[in-house]
Amino acid sequence: MDENKKEITGSPYEFEGRIPLKQAIPLGLQHVMAMFVGNLTPIIVIMGV
């Protein structure tokens, strides 16, 4: 029966892998911060700050 049981968590490098919430939250926050930096950098450069 254990052989048929699907693994809930996996590697973040798998195409459809699921990672634990403890690892997903920091990775999600890193992604959000990267989006903010990518959007704000051109504005700061153009303003000449």
N, C-alpha and C. Protein backbone atom coordinates (compact mmCIF):
# COMPACT_ATOMS: atom_id res chain seq x y z
N MET A 1 0.82 -1.19 0.00
CA MET A 1 0.00 0.00 0.00
C MET A 1 0.87 1.26 0.00
N ASP A 2 2.02 1.23 0.67
CA ASP A 2 2.90 2.39 0.72
C ASP A 2 3.51 2.70 -0.65
N GLU A 3 3.64 1.67 -1.49
CA GLU A 3 4.21 1.88 -2.81
C GLU A 3 3.29 2.74 -3.68
N ASN A 4 1.99 2.63 -3.48
CA ASN A 4 1.01 3.39 -4.28
C ASN A 4 0.77 4.79 -3.73
N LYS A 5 1.25 5.03 -2.53
CA LYS A 5 1.03 6.33 -1.90
C LYS A 5 1.90 7.39 -2.57
N LYS A 6 1.26 8.49 -2.99
CA LYS A 6 1.99 9.55 -3.67
C LYS A 6 2.73 10.42 -2.66
N GLU A 7 3.92 10.83 -3.01
CA GLU A 7 4.71 11.69 -2.14
C GLU A 7 4.15 13.11 -2.21
N ILE A 8 3.89 13.72 -1.05
CA ILE A 8 3.27 15.05 -1.02
C ILE A 8 4.29 16.13 -1.33
N THR A 9 5.45 16.05 -0.74
CA THR A 9 6.47 17.07 -0.98
C THR A 9 7.55 16.50 -1.87
N GLY A 10 8.23 17.41 -2.57
CA GLY A 10 9.29 16.97 -3.46
C GLY A 10 10.34 18.05 -3.55
N SER A 11 11.15 17.94 -4.57
CA SER A 11 12.22 18.89 -4.80
C SER A 11 11.67 20.11 -5.54
N PRO A 12 12.17 21.31 -5.22
CA PRO A 12 11.72 22.48 -5.98
C PRO A 12 12.22 22.46 -7.42
N TYR A 13 13.12 21.54 -7.74
CA TYR A 13 13.67 21.46 -9.08
C TYR A 13 12.86 20.54 -9.99
N GLU A 14 11.88 19.84 -9.42
CA GLU A 14 11.01 19.00 -10.23
C GLU A 14 9.99 19.89 -10.95
N PHE A 15 9.54 19.45 -12.12
CA PHE A 15 8.61 20.27 -12.91
C PHE A 15 7.32 20.53 -12.15
N GLU A 16 6.74 19.52 -11.58
CA GLU A 16 5.50 19.69 -10.81
C GLU A 16 5.72 19.33 -9.35
N GLY A 17 6.91 19.58 -8.83
CA GLY A 17 7.22 19.25 -7.46
C GLY A 17 6.56 20.22 -6.49
N ARG A 18 6.18 19.73 -5.34
CA ARG A 18 5.61 20.56 -4.28
C ARG A 18 6.61 20.62 -3.14
N ILE A 19 6.85 21.83 -2.64
CA ILE A 19 7.81 21.99 -1.54
C ILE A 19 7.05 22.31 -0.27
N PRO A 20 7.64 22.04 0.89
CA PRO A 20 6.98 22.33 2.16
C PRO A 20 6.75 23.83 2.34
N LEU A 21 5.74 24.17 3.11
CA LEU A 21 5.37 25.57 3.34
C LEU A 21 6.51 26.35 3.99
N LYS A 22 7.27 25.71 4.87
CA LYS A 22 8.41 26.38 5.51
C LYS A 22 9.43 26.85 4.49
N GLN A 23 9.54 26.16 3.38
CA GLN A 23 10.48 26.53 2.33
C GLN A 23 9.81 27.43 1.29
N ALA A 24 8.52 27.25 1.08
CA ALA A 24 7.80 28.01 0.05
C ALA A 24 7.64 29.48 0.43
N ILE A 25 7.43 29.79 1.70
CA ILE A 25 7.22 31.18 2.12
C ILE A 25 8.46 32.04 1.87
N PRO A 26 9.66 31.64 2.32
CA PRO A 26 10.84 32.47 2.01
C PRO A 26 11.11 32.59 0.51
N LEU A 27 10.89 31.53 -0.24
CA LEU A 27 11.11 31.60 -1.68
C LEU A 27 10.10 32.53 -2.33
N GLY A 28 8.86 32.53 -1.85
CA GLY A 28 7.84 33.44 -2.38
C GLY A 28 8.17 34.88 -2.05
N LEU A 29 8.62 35.15 -0.83
CA LEU A 29 9.00 36.51 -0.45
C LEU A 29 10.20 36.99 -1.26
N GLN A 30 11.13 36.11 -1.54
CA GLN A 30 12.27 36.47 -2.37
C GLN A 30 11.80 36.86 -3.77
N HIS A 31 10.84 36.15 -4.29
CA HIS A 31 10.30 36.44 -5.62
C HIS A 31 9.61 37.81 -5.63
N VAL A 32 8.83 38.09 -4.61
CA VAL A 32 8.13 39.39 -4.53
C VAL A 32 9.13 40.53 -4.42
N MET A 33 10.16 40.37 -3.59
CA MET A 33 11.17 41.43 -3.46
C MET A 33 11.92 41.64 -4.77
N ALA A 34 12.19 40.58 -5.50
CA ALA A 34 12.87 40.71 -6.79
C ALA A 34 11.99 41.47 -7.78
N MET A 35 10.68 41.27 -7.72
CA MET A 35 9.77 42.00 -8.61
C MET A 35 9.76 43.48 -8.25
N PHE A 36 9.75 43.82 -6.96
CA PHE A 36 9.78 45.23 -6.57
C PHE A 36 11.07 45.90 -7.03
N VAL A 37 12.20 45.24 -6.83
CA VAL A 37 13.48 45.82 -7.23
C VAL A 37 13.52 46.02 -8.75
N GLY A 38 13.01 45.06 -9.50
CA GLY A 38 13.00 45.17 -10.95
C GLY A 38 12.12 46.30 -11.44
N ASN A 39 11.06 46.62 -10.71
CA ASN A 39 10.17 47.71 -11.11
C ASN A 39 10.66 49.06 -10.63
N LEU A 40 11.33 49.12 -9.50
CA LEU A 40 11.73 50.40 -8.94
C LEU A 40 13.09 50.88 -9.44
N THR A 41 13.96 49.98 -9.85
CA THR A 41 15.30 50.38 -10.30
C THR A 41 15.27 51.34 -11.48
N PRO A 42 14.50 51.10 -12.53
CA PRO A 42 14.48 52.07 -13.64
C PRO A 42 13.97 53.44 -13.22
N ILE A 43 13.03 53.49 -12.32
CA ILE A 43 12.50 54.79 -11.84
C ILE A 43 13.60 55.55 -11.09
N ILE A 44 14.33 54.84 -10.24
CA ILE A 44 15.40 55.49 -9.48
C ILE A 44 16.51 55.95 -10.42
N VAL A 45 16.84 55.15 -11.43
CA VAL A 45 17.89 55.53 -12.38
C VAL A 45 17.46 56.76 -13.18
N ILE A 46 16.22 56.80 -13.63
CA ILE A 46 15.73 57.93 -14.41
C ILE A 46 15.67 59.21 -13.57
N MET A 47 15.29 59.06 -12.31
CA MET A 47 15.22 60.24 -11.42
C MET A 47 16.61 60.75 -11.07
N GLY A 48 17.62 59.92 -11.22
CA GLY A 48 18.98 60.34 -10.93
C GLY A 48 19.31 60.43 -9.45
N VAL A 49 18.65 59.62 -8.66
CA VAL A 49 18.88 59.65 -7.21
C VAL A 49 20.16 58.94 -6.90
